[in-house]
Protein backbone atom coordinates (compact mmCIF):
# COMPACT_ATOMS: atom_id res chain seq x y z
CA MET A 1 16.31 -19.55 72.31
CA THR A 2 18.72 -22.40 73.01
CA GLY A 3 18.46 -25.42 75.03
CA ASN A 4 20.27 -27.89 77.46
CA GLY A 5 19.36 -30.72 76.29
CA SER A 6 17.05 -32.11 79.81
CA GLU A 7 13.85 -29.47 79.00
CA ALA A 8 12.15 -30.22 76.48
CA GLY A 9 11.37 -26.39 74.38
CA PRO A 10 8.82 -25.38 72.31
CA THR A 11 6.86 -27.06 70.27
CA ASP A 12 5.06 -26.92 66.86
CA GLU A 13 1.98 -27.36 65.22
CA ARG A 14 2.44 -30.53 64.76
CA GLY A 15 3.49 -30.59 68.83
CA GLY A 16 6.56 -31.88 67.81
CA GLU A 17 9.58 -30.60 70.45
CA GLY A 18 13.21 -30.05 70.61
CA TYR A 19 14.73 -26.40 69.51
CA TRP A 20 14.03 -24.62 66.01
CA TYR A 21 17.08 -23.64 64.26
CA ALA A 22 17.86 -21.11 60.81
CA ALA A 23 21.12 -22.95 59.68
CA SER A 24 22.91 -20.69 56.86
CA LEU A 25 24.96 -23.25 54.64
CA MET A 26 27.03 -21.68 52.41
CA TYR A 27 27.96 -23.64 48.59
CA GLN A 28 30.18 -22.42 46.23
CA ALA A 29 30.39 -23.09 42.13
CA CYS A 30 32.91 -24.81 40.42
CA HIS A 31 32.75 -24.86 36.41
CA ARG A 32 34.46 -26.39 33.65
CA PRO A 33 35.86 -24.91 31.95
CA PRO A 34 36.27 -22.13 35.19
CA ARG A 35 35.10 -18.94 35.10
CA LYS A 36 36.48 -15.76 36.62
CA ASP A 37 33.79 -14.59 38.06
CA GLY A 38 33.25 -16.92 41.55
CA LEU A 39 29.59 -17.76 42.14
CA TRP A 40 27.73 -18.42 45.56
CA GLU A 41 24.66 -19.68 47.39
CA GLU A 42 23.51 -19.12 50.76
CA ARG A 43 20.49 -21.29 51.85
CA ILE A 44 18.78 -20.71 54.95
CA VAL A 45 17.01 -24.39 55.90
CA LEU A 46 15.10 -25.50 59.40
CA ILE A 47 16.98 -27.91 61.96
CA ARG A 48 14.66 -29.26 64.66
CA ALA A 49 17.54 -29.87 67.60
CA GLY A 50 18.12 -30.83 71.34
CA SER A 51 20.76 -27.83 71.57
CA GLN A 52 22.46 -25.55 69.05
CA ALA A 53 25.79 -27.32 69.18
CA GLN A 54 22.96 -31.03 67.74
CA ALA A 55 21.82 -28.28 65.42
CA LEU A 56 24.99 -27.48 63.99
CA GLU A 57 25.91 -31.05 63.81
CA GLN A 58 22.86 -31.25 61.91
CA ALA A 59 23.57 -28.36 59.59
CA GLU A 60 27.33 -30.24 58.91
CA ARG A 61 25.77 -33.42 57.62
CA LEU A 62 22.70 -31.97 55.52
CA GLY A 63 25.63 -29.61 53.45
CA PRO A 64 27.89 -32.13 51.87
CA ALA A 65 24.21 -34.12 50.79
CA ASP A 66 22.59 -31.45 48.88
CA GLU A 67 25.73 -31.11 46.63
CA VAL A 68 25.11 -31.36 43.32
CA GLY A 69 26.68 -31.10 39.34
CA TYR A 70 24.97 -30.80 35.91
CA ALA A 71 26.16 -29.38 32.56
CA THR A 72 25.28 -26.27 31.22
CA VAL A 73 25.57 -24.00 27.85
CA GLU A 74 29.16 -23.01 29.32
CA GLY A 75 30.40 -26.44 30.44
CA GLU A 76 29.39 -28.28 33.61
CA VAL A 77 29.28 -27.24 37.45
CA GLN A 78 29.68 -28.65 40.89
CA TRP A 79 28.10 -26.99 43.80
CA ARG A 80 30.12 -28.14 46.33
CA PHE A 81 29.32 -27.71 50.10
CA ALA A 82 32.19 -24.78 51.85
CA ARG A 83 30.82 -24.16 55.32
CA VAL A 84 27.59 -23.99 57.73
CA GLU A 85 27.63 -19.56 57.94
CA ARG A 86 26.17 -19.45 61.30
CA VAL A 87 23.67 -21.64 63.10
CA CYS A 88 20.89 -19.26 64.73
CA ALA A 89 18.08 -20.20 67.21
CA ILE A 90 14.16 -19.22 66.57
CA GLU A 91 13.19 -17.09 69.04
CA ALA A 92 9.03 -17.86 67.93
CA GLU A 93 7.63 -20.73 70.49
CA VAL A 94 5.60 -21.66 67.30
CA LEU A 95 6.36 -21.37 63.80
CA ARG A 96 3.59 -19.82 61.59
CA SER A 97 3.59 -17.95 58.36
CA GLY A 98 4.98 -14.87 58.91
CA THR A 99 7.71 -16.58 61.81
CA GLU A 100 10.90 -14.72 61.60
CA VAL A 101 13.50 -17.76 60.86
CA PHE A 102 16.49 -15.54 59.82
CA SER A 103 18.23 -12.48 60.53
CA ARG A 104 21.88 -10.27 60.29
CA PHE A 105 22.98 -7.21 59.99
CA LEU A 106 24.80 -6.21 57.02
CA SER A 107 26.97 -2.59 56.37
CA ALA A 108 26.16 -0.52 53.63
CA GLY A 109 28.44 -2.13 51.38
CA GLU A 110 26.93 -5.24 51.71
CA ALA A 111 23.22 -4.39 51.33
CA GLU A 112 24.37 -2.29 48.14
CA SER A 113 26.04 -5.69 46.92
CA LEU A 114 23.30 -7.59 47.63
CA GLY A 115 20.73 -5.22 45.45
CA ARG A 116 22.92 -6.10 42.36
CA PRO A 117 21.68 -8.42 39.63
CA LEU A 118 23.72 -11.30 38.44
CA GLU A 119 26.00 -10.75 35.53
């Protein structure tokens, strides 16, 4: 569902107005000492905005705010915001249990990769 900003969008269960979007944020782990395997995190967050462009702007602000670093037994890791992968409109009029907030098509190789545990 996309909006032009001049009309009220669907409401949530609390009566808020606007459109809901699911934003995929990508973070990369930077290890010290460096590791040869790369580790990434994909976060799907909900964003309330008047348009997809506004949702993207919010996602780009949220990403760096969630960067975090910490010590591990192997050294230090810093999670760095890399990019907003995509912003998708949520087509539901009301958010409730079971509402689809994100979906994507995957190739066979991508699906197999998602099924393999991290090592």
